[in-house]
């Protein structure tokens, strides 16, 4: 399964914040078992781009 996990701050949490305080890292995680169960075929290129691959 393709998954992107990111917690974005609410607009009221951003008031008065400088841009550098806003989280900017995304992780790209692929679960091969879940992808196959859903009928997806994950290419080698996509697996190479992932930050983490769960077998």
C-alpha atoms as a PDB file:
ATOM      1  CA  UNK A   1       0.000   0.000   0.000  1.00  0.00           C
ATOM      2  CA  UNK A   2       1.247   3.447  -0.810  1.00  0.00           C
ATOM      3  CA  UNK A   3       1.201   5.663   2.219  1.00  0.00           C
ATOM      4  CA  UNK A   4       2.293   9.166   3.044  1.00  0.00           C
ATOM      5  CA  UNK A   5       2.125  10.135   6.661  1.00  0.00           C
ATOM      6  CA  UNK A   6       2.327  13.761   7.617  1.00  0.00           C
ATOM      7  CA  UNK A   7       0.818  15.751  10.407  1.00  0.00           C
ATOM      8  CA  UNK A   8      -0.020  19.238   9.222  1.00  0.00           C
ATOM      9  CA  UNK A   9      -0.513  21.981  11.791  1.00  0.00           C
ATOM     10  CA  UNK A  10      -3.919  23.647  11.934  1.00  0.00           C
ATOM     11  CA  UNK A  11      -4.169  27.226  10.737  1.00  0.00           C
ATOM     12  CA  UNK A  12      -4.618  28.496  14.305  1.00  0.00           C
ATOM     13  CA  UNK A  13      -1.355  26.746  15.259  1.00  0.00           C
ATOM     14  CA  UNK A  14       0.493  28.562  12.453  1.00  0.00           C
ATOM     15  CA  UNK A  15      -0.373  32.084  13.556  1.00  0.00           C
ATOM     16  CA  UNK A  16       2.832  33.817  14.561  1.00  0.00           C
ATOM     17  CA  UNK A  17       5.007  30.910  13.426  1.00  0.00           C
ATOM     18  CA  UNK A  18       7.949  31.441  11.156  1.00  0.00           C
ATOM     19  CA  UNK A  19       8.122  29.289   8.039  1.00  0.00           C
ATOM     20  CA  UNK A  20      11.146  27.344   9.294  1.00  0.00           C
ATOM     21  CA  UNK A  21       9.047  25.990  12.189  1.00  0.00           C
ATOM     22  CA  UNK A  22       6.645  24.182   9.846  1.00  0.00           C
ATOM     23  CA  UNK A  23       7.438  20.469   9.345  1.00  0.00           C
ATOM     24  CA  UNK A  24       8.724  19.780   5.841  1.00  0.00           C
ATOM     25  CA  UNK A  25       9.788  16.115   5.723  1.00  0.00           C
ATOM     26  CA  UNK A  26       7.652  13.436   4.133  1.00  0.00           C
ATOM     27  CA  UNK A  27       8.382   9.713   4.282  1.00  0.00           C
ATOM     28  CA  UNK A  28       7.469   7.438   1.391  1.00  0.00           C
ATOM     29  CA  UNK A  29       6.698   3.940   2.705  1.00  0.00           C
ATOM     30  CA  UNK A  30       5.511   0.985   0.620  1.00  0.00           C
ATOM     31  CA  UNK A  31       3.960  -2.160   2.079  1.00  0.00           C
ATOM     32  CA  UNK A  32       4.533  -4.799  -0.598  1.00  0.00           C
ATOM     33  CA  UNK A  33       2.234  -7.355   1.054  1.00  0.00           C
ATOM     34  CA  UNK A  34      -0.667  -4.891   1.265  1.00  0.00           C
ATOM     35  CA  UNK A  35      -0.114  -3.677  -2.294  1.00  0.00           C
ATOM     36  CA  UNK A  36      -0.266  -7.261  -3.591  1.00  0.00           C
ATOM     37  CA  UNK A  37      -3.389  -7.984  -1.506  1.00  0.00           C
ATOM     38  CA  UNK A  38      -5.073  -4.989  -3.136  1.00  0.00           C
ATOM     39  CA  UNK A  39      -4.017  -6.122  -6.590  1.00  0.00           C
ATOM     40  CA  UNK A  40      -1.322  -3.511  -7.181  1.00  0.00           C
ATOM     41  CA  UNK A  41       1.986  -4.313  -8.799  1.00  0.00           C
ATOM     42  CA  UNK A  42       4.780  -2.181  -7.389  1.00  0.00           C
ATOM     43  CA  UNK A  43       7.533  -1.443  -9.895  1.00  0.00           C
ATOM     44  CA  UNK A  44      11.220  -1.739  -9.040  1.00  0.00           C
ATOM     45  CA  UNK A  45      11.631   1.974  -9.743  1.00  0.00           C
ATOM     46  CA  UNK A  46       8.952   2.853  -7.188  1.00  0.00           C
ATOM     47  CA  UNK A  47      10.555   0.547  -4.616  1.00  0.00           C
ATOM     48  CA  UNK A  48      13.903   2.251  -5.215  1.00  0.00           C
ATOM     49  CA  UNK A  49      12.362   5.663  -4.523  1.00  0.00           C
ATOM     50  CA  UNK A  50      10.755   4.594  -1.241  1.00  0.00           C
ATOM     51  CA  UNK A  51      12.295   5.646   2.069  1.00  0.00           C
ATOM     52  CA  UNK A  52      11.143   2.341   3.582  1.00  0.00           C
ATOM     53  CA  UNK A  53       9.839  -0.897   2.057  1.00  0.00           C
ATOM     54  CA  UNK A  54       7.828  -3.242   4.256  1.00  0.00           C
ATOM     55  CA  UNK A  55       7.860  -6.811   2.920  1.00  0.00           C
END
